[in-house]
């Protein structure tokens, strides 16, 4: 059995992520979606539980896909699952620059683990989690960019299309 991991913050998961996951699931026996528990380079808008729930709901039809949380090096997460491959989605050239650096670091740490880059399908090449959050914050519709549960939650957070911070429970 060949296991691959697909790590990310998924803040939130987009239809582009779902596309890459579905395509990876068609190639590998098992795909483990690794949700970064405590990202070092950004503060997530959604809680860890929300990010995991969004993924689980969107992926429930894919029997060979699992969702797990990790807070260690990606290569250590891959070893934990016995994964031989790290899947990374690429939308634009700037994605490649960052992923190339990460690949070189991961390859130095664990040369036995390969990285497979999956190019975004054209209809998702412009969709990013940060772009989706910005559109929603100004009252734009994001239904075509994200799974239904994410679109509903963004509408709850930004009911009046207020740019900037989402509503919190104290407002």
C-alpha atoms as a PDB file:
ATOM      1  CA  UNK A   1       0.000   0.000   0.000  1.00  0.00           C
ATOM      2  CA  UNK A   2       1.376   3.408  -0.948  1.00  0.00           C
ATOM      3  CA  UNK A   3       0.440   6.217   1.410  1.00  0.00           C
ATOM      4  CA  UNK A   4       0.772   9.898   0.602  1.00  0.00           C
ATOM      5  CA  UNK A   5       0.277  12.882   2.862  1.00  0.00           C
ATOM      6  CA  UNK A   6      -1.074  16.274   1.826  1.00  0.00           C
ATOM      7  CA  UNK A   7      -0.121  18.788   4.528  1.00  0.00           C
ATOM      8  CA  UNK A   8      -1.513  22.298   4.905  1.00  0.00           C
ATOM      9  CA  UNK A   9      -3.282  24.741   7.155  1.00  0.00           C
ATOM     10  CA  UNK A  10      -6.550  24.541   5.177  1.00  0.00           C
ATOM     11  CA  UNK A  11      -7.717  27.904   6.505  1.00  0.00           C
ATOM     12  CA  UNK A  12     -10.156  27.294   4.937  1.00  0.00           C
ATOM     13  CA  UNK A  13     -10.147  24.336   2.591  1.00  0.00           C
ATOM     14  CA  UNK A  14     -10.992  25.416  -0.959  1.00  0.00           C
ATOM     15  CA  UNK A  15     -12.356  23.554  -3.952  1.00  0.00           C
ATOM     16  CA  UNK A  16      -8.810  23.710  -5.314  1.00  0.00           C
ATOM     17  CA  UNK A  17      -7.618  21.666  -2.329  1.00  0.00           C
ATOM     18  CA  UNK A  18     -10.502  19.238  -2.822  1.00  0.00           C
ATOM     19  CA  UNK A  19      -9.562  18.860  -6.500  1.00  0.00           C
ATOM     20  CA  UNK A  20      -5.930  18.027  -5.661  1.00  0.00           C
ATOM     21  CA  UNK A  21      -7.001  15.612  -2.906  1.00  0.00           C
ATOM     22  CA  UNK A  22      -9.389  13.791  -5.239  1.00  0.00           C
ATOM     23  CA  UNK A  23      -6.722  13.457  -7.894  1.00  0.00           C
ATOM     24  CA  UNK A  24      -4.174  12.200  -5.347  1.00  0.00           C
ATOM     25  CA  UNK A  25      -6.737   9.716  -4.022  1.00  0.00           C
ATOM     26  CA  UNK A  26      -7.022   8.285  -7.531  1.00  0.00           C
ATOM     27  CA  UNK A  27      -3.248   7.675  -7.616  1.00  0.00           C
ATOM     28  CA  UNK A  28      -2.409   6.472  -4.102  1.00  0.00           C
ATOM     29  CA  UNK A  29      -3.865   3.721  -1.941  1.00  0.00           C
ATOM     30  CA  UNK A  30      -4.256   6.071   1.008  1.00  0.00           C
ATOM     31  CA  UNK A  31      -4.025   9.856   1.300  1.00  0.00           C
ATOM     32  CA  UNK A  32      -3.719  11.430   4.727  1.00  0.00           C
ATOM     33  CA  UNK A  33      -4.635  15.094   4.893  1.00  0.00           C
ATOM     34  CA  UNK A  34      -2.351  16.644   7.480  1.00  0.00           C
ATOM     35  CA  UNK A  35      -3.862  19.730   9.082  1.00  0.00           C
ATOM     36  CA  UNK A  36      -1.222  21.903  10.726  1.00  0.00           C
ATOM     37  CA  UNK A  37      -2.332  22.222  14.331  1.00  0.00           C
ATOM     38  CA  UNK A  38      -0.391  25.347  15.209  1.00  0.00           C
ATOM     39  CA  UNK A  39       0.958  27.107  12.107  1.00  0.00           C
ATOM     40  CA  UNK A  40       4.189  29.023  12.694  1.00  0.00           C
ATOM     41  CA  UNK A  41       3.888  31.408   9.741  1.00  0.00           C
ATOM     42  CA  UNK A  42       0.270  32.582  10.038  1.00  0.00           C
ATOM     43  CA  UNK A  43      -2.627  32.917  12.441  1.00  0.00           C
ATOM     44  CA  UNK A  44      -5.630  30.898  11.215  1.00  0.00           C
ATOM     45  CA  UNK A  45      -9.086  32.470  11.021  1.00  0.00           C
ATOM     46  CA  UNK A  46     -10.785  29.155  11.715  1.00  0.00           C
ATOM     47  CA  UNK A  47     -10.244  26.940  14.745  1.00  0.00           C
ATOM     48  CA  UNK A  48      -8.473  23.647  14.305  1.00  0.00           C
ATOM     49  CA  UNK A  49     -11.743  21.794  14.951  1.00  0.00           C
ATOM     50  CA  UNK A  50     -13.499  23.829  12.237  1.00  0.00           C
ATOM     51  CA  UNK A  51     -10.729  23.218   9.702  1.00  0.00           C
ATOM     52  CA  UNK A  52     -10.825  19.468  10.373  1.00  0.00           C
ATOM     53  CA  UNK A  53     -14.650  19.350  10.232  1.00  0.00           C
ATOM     54  CA  UNK A  54     -14.714  21.255   6.915  1.00  0.00           C
ATOM     55  CA  UNK A  55     -12.292  18.729   5.420  1.00  0.00           C
ATOM     56  CA  UNK A  56     -14.063  15.669   6.806  1.00  0.00           C
ATOM     57  CA  UNK A  57     -17.420  16.840   5.469  1.00  0.00           C
ATOM     58  CA  UNK A  58     -16.039  17.726   2.041  1.00  0.00           C
ATOM     59  CA  UNK A  59     -14.106  14.450   1.719  1.00  0.00           C
ATOM     60  CA  UNK A  60     -16.573  11.933   3.168  1.00  0.00           C
ATOM     61  CA  UNK A  61     -17.131  10.306  -0.242  1.00  0.00           C
ATOM     62  CA  UNK A  62     -13.432   9.461  -0.659  1.00  0.00           C
ATOM     63  CA  UNK A  63     -12.931   6.182   1.166  1.00  0.00           C
ATOM     64  CA  UNK A  64      -9.137   6.161   0.971  1.00  0.00           C
ATOM     65  CA  UNK A  65      -8.699   9.654   2.446  1.00  0.00           C
ATOM     66  CA  UNK A  66      -8.173  10.372   6.140  1.00  0.00           C
ATOM     67  CA  UNK A  67      -7.744  13.620   8.034  1.00  0.00           C
ATOM     68  CA  UNK A  68      -5.243  13.977  10.861  1.00  0.00           C
ATOM     69  CA  UNK A  69      -3.733  16.870  12.798  1.00  0.00           C
ATOM     70  CA  UNK A  70      -0.009  17.335  13.190  1.00  0.00           C
ATOM     71  CA  UNK A  71       2.334  19.654  15.035  1.00  0.00           C
ATOM     72  CA  UNK A  72       5.691  18.208  14.047  1.00  0.00           C
ATOM     73  CA  UNK A  73       7.929  18.368  10.999  1.00  0.00           C
ATOM     74  CA  UNK A  74       6.157  17.296   7.817  1.00  0.00           C
ATOM     75  CA  UNK A  75       8.674  14.475   7.316  1.00  0.00           C
ATOM     76  CA  UNK A  76       8.010  13.214  10.850  1.00  0.00           C
ATOM     77  CA  UNK A  77       4.276  13.258  10.102  1.00  0.00           C
ATOM     78  CA  UNK A  78       4.988  11.305   6.906  1.00  0.00           C
ATOM     79  CA  UNK A  79       7.036   8.741   8.851  1.00  0.00           C
ATOM     80  CA  UNK A  80       4.240   8.403  11.426  1.00  0.00           C
ATOM     81  CA  UNK A  81       1.870   7.341   8.636  1.00  0.00           C
ATOM     82  CA  UNK A  82       4.453   5.305   6.694  1.00  0.00           C
ATOM     83  CA  UNK A  83       4.026   7.703   3.774  1.00  0.00           C
ATOM     84  CA  UNK A  84       6.440   7.589   0.875  1.00  0.00           C
ATOM     85  CA  UNK A  85       5.092  10.731  -0.782  1.00  0.00           C
ATOM     86  CA  UNK A  86       4.249  14.325   0.155  1.00  0.00           C
ATOM     87  CA  UNK A  87       1.629  15.786  -2.204  1.00  0.00           C
ATOM     88  CA  UNK A  88       1.687  19.532  -2.802  1.00  0.00           C
ATOM     89  CA  UNK A  89      -0.724  21.498  -4.960  1.00  0.00           C
ATOM     90  CA  UNK A  90       0.626  24.270  -7.167  1.00  0.00           C
ATOM     91  CA  UNK A  91      -1.461  27.105  -8.587  1.00  0.00           C
ATOM     92  CA  UNK A  92       1.049  29.678  -9.822  1.00  0.00           C
ATOM     93  CA  UNK A  93       4.808  30.128 -10.212  1.00  0.00           C
ATOM     94  CA  UNK A  94       5.126  31.874  -6.842  1.00  0.00           C
ATOM     95  CA  UNK A  95       3.772  28.711  -5.154  1.00  0.00           C
ATOM     96  CA  UNK A  96       6.628  26.772  -6.728  1.00  0.00           C
ATOM     97  CA  UNK A  97       9.315  29.035  -5.264  1.00  0.00           C
ATOM     98  CA  UNK A  98       8.161  28.367  -1.701  1.00  0.00           C
ATOM     99  CA  UNK A  99       7.469  24.678  -2.298  1.00  0.00           C
ATOM    100  CA  UNK A 100      10.874  24.199  -3.945  1.00  0.00           C
ATOM    101  CA  UNK A 101      12.586  25.484  -0.793  1.00  0.00           C
ATOM    102  CA  UNK A 102      10.442  23.240   1.410  1.00  0.00           C
ATOM    103  CA  UNK A 103      11.175  20.263  -0.840  1.00  0.00           C
ATOM    104  CA  UNK A 104      14.916  20.780  -0.544  1.00  0.00           C
ATOM    105  CA  UNK A 105      14.693  20.982   3.245  1.00  0.00           C
ATOM    106  CA  UNK A 106      12.425  17.921   3.471  1.00  0.00           C
ATOM    107  CA  UNK A 107      14.637  15.984   1.062  1.00  0.00           C
ATOM    108  CA  UNK A 108      17.672  16.723   3.218  1.00  0.00           C
ATOM    109  CA  UNK A 109      15.837  15.560   6.341  1.00  0.00           C
ATOM    110  CA  UNK A 110      14.213  12.493   4.738  1.00  0.00           C
ATOM    111  CA  UNK A 111      15.643  11.614   1.297  1.00  0.00           C
ATOM    112  CA  UNK A 112      13.445   8.505   1.118  1.00  0.00           C
ATOM    113  CA  UNK A 113      10.266  10.612   0.904  1.00  0.00           C
ATOM    114  CA  UNK A 114       9.373  12.030  -2.504  1.00  0.00           C
ATOM    115  CA  UNK A 115       7.373  15.186  -3.128  1.00  0.00           C
ATOM    116  CA  UNK A 116       4.765  15.088  -5.880  1.00  0.00           C
ATOM    117  CA  UNK A 117       3.494  18.395  -7.239  1.00  0.00           C
ATOM    118  CA  UNK A 118      -0.037  18.424  -8.591  1.00  0.00           C
ATOM    119  CA  UNK A 119      -0.886  21.390 -10.771  1.00  0.00           C
ATOM    120  CA  UNK A 120      -4.174  23.042  -9.994  1.00  0.00           C
ATOM    121  CA  UNK A 121      -6.994  22.458 -12.444  1.00  0.00           C
ATOM    122  CA  UNK A 122      -7.490  25.631 -14.515  1.00  0.00           C
ATOM    123  CA  UNK A 123     -10.805  26.537 -12.881  1.00  0.00           C
ATOM    124  CA  UNK A 124      -9.070  26.662  -9.470  1.00  0.00           C
ATOM    125  CA  UNK A 125      -5.708  28.176 -10.423  1.00  0.00           C
ATOM    126  CA  UNK A 126      -6.678  31.581  -9.034  1.00  0.00           C
ATOM    127  CA  UNK A 127      -8.397  30.367  -5.839  1.00  0.00           C
ATOM    128  CA  UNK A 128      -6.519  30.788  -2.572  1.00  0.00           C
ATOM    129  CA  UNK A 129      -7.682  30.552   1.024  1.00  0.00           C
ATOM    130  CA  UNK A 130      -6.593  34.133   1.690  1.00  0.00           C
ATOM    131  CA  UNK A 131      -8.425  35.378  -1.411  1.00  0.00           C
ATOM    132  CA  UNK A 132     -11.595  33.569  -0.364  1.00  0.00           C
ATOM    133  CA  UNK A 133     -11.439  35.106   3.115  1.00  0.00           C
ATOM    134  CA  UNK A 134     -10.974  38.572   1.651  1.00  0.00           C
ATOM    135  CA  UNK A 135     -13.898  38.213  -0.755  1.00  0.00           C
ATOM    136  CA  UNK A 136     -16.139  36.977   2.068  1.00  0.00           C
ATOM    137  CA  UNK A 137     -15.036  39.786   4.384  1.00  0.00           C
ATOM    138  CA  UNK A 138     -16.387  42.337   1.910  1.00  0.00           C
ATOM    139  CA  UNK A 139     -19.664  40.508   1.416  1.00  0.00           C
ATOM    140  CA  UNK A 140     -18.757  38.695  -1.779  1.00  0.00           C
ATOM    141  CA  UNK A 141     -20.115  35.270  -2.609  1.00  0.00           C
ATOM    142  CA  UNK A 142     -17.590  32.448  -2.303  1.00  0.00           C
ATOM    143  CA  UNK A 143     -19.876  29.481  -2.979  1.00  0.00           C
ATOM    144  CA  UNK A 144     -18.063  28.455  -6.165  1.00  0.00           C
ATOM    145  CA  UNK A 145     -14.640  28.518  -4.461  1.00  0.00           C
ATOM    146  CA  UNK A 146     -15.206  26.497  -1.289  1.00  0.00           C
ATOM    147  CA  UNK A 147     -17.236  23.535  -0.001  1.00  0.00           C
ATOM    148  CA  UNK A 148     -20.765  24.430   1.202  1.00  0.00           C
ATOM    149  CA  UNK A 149     -19.933  24.232   4.934  1.00  0.00           C
ATOM    150  CA  UNK A 150     -17.119  26.751   4.496  1.00  0.00           C
ATOM    151  CA  UNK A 151     -19.324  29.124   2.487  1.00  0.00           C
ATOM    152  CA  UNK A 152     -22.012  28.960   5.203  1.00  0.00           C
ATOM    153  CA  UNK A 153     -19.516  29.653   7.975  1.00  0.00           C
ATOM    154  CA  UNK A 154     -17.973  32.600   6.127  1.00  0.00           C
ATOM    155  CA  UNK A 155     -21.463  34.051   5.648  1.00  0.00           C
ATOM    156  CA  UNK A 156     -22.027  33.726   9.412  1.00  0.00           C
ATOM    157  CA  UNK A 157     -18.730  35.442  10.181  1.00  0.00           C
ATOM    158  CA  UNK A 158     -19.305  38.276   7.720  1.00  0.00           C
ATOM    159  CA  UNK A 159     -23.095  38.755   7.579  1.00  0.00           C
ATOM    160  CA  UNK A 160     -22.924  42.376   6.499  1.00  0.00           C
ATOM    161  CA  UNK A 161     -19.833  42.170   4.365  1.00  0.00           C
ATOM    162  CA  UNK A 162     -17.740  44.120   6.834  1.00  0.00           C
ATOM    163  CA  UNK A 163     -14.179  44.236   5.563  1.00  0.00           C
ATOM    164  CA  UNK A 164     -11.541  43.382   8.116  1.00  0.00           C
ATOM    165  CA  UNK A 165     -12.101  41.226  11.154  1.00  0.00           C
ATOM    166  CA  UNK A 166     -14.874  38.618  11.373  1.00  0.00           C
ATOM    167  CA  UNK A 167     -17.579  38.807  13.998  1.00  0.00           C
ATOM    168  CA  UNK A 168     -16.731  37.063  17.212  1.00  0.00           C
ATOM    169  CA  UNK A 169     -19.041  35.705  19.871  1.00  0.00           C
ATOM    170  CA  UNK A 170     -18.698  38.880  22.003  1.00  0.00           C
ATOM    171  CA  UNK A 171     -20.126  41.173  19.252  1.00  0.00           C
END
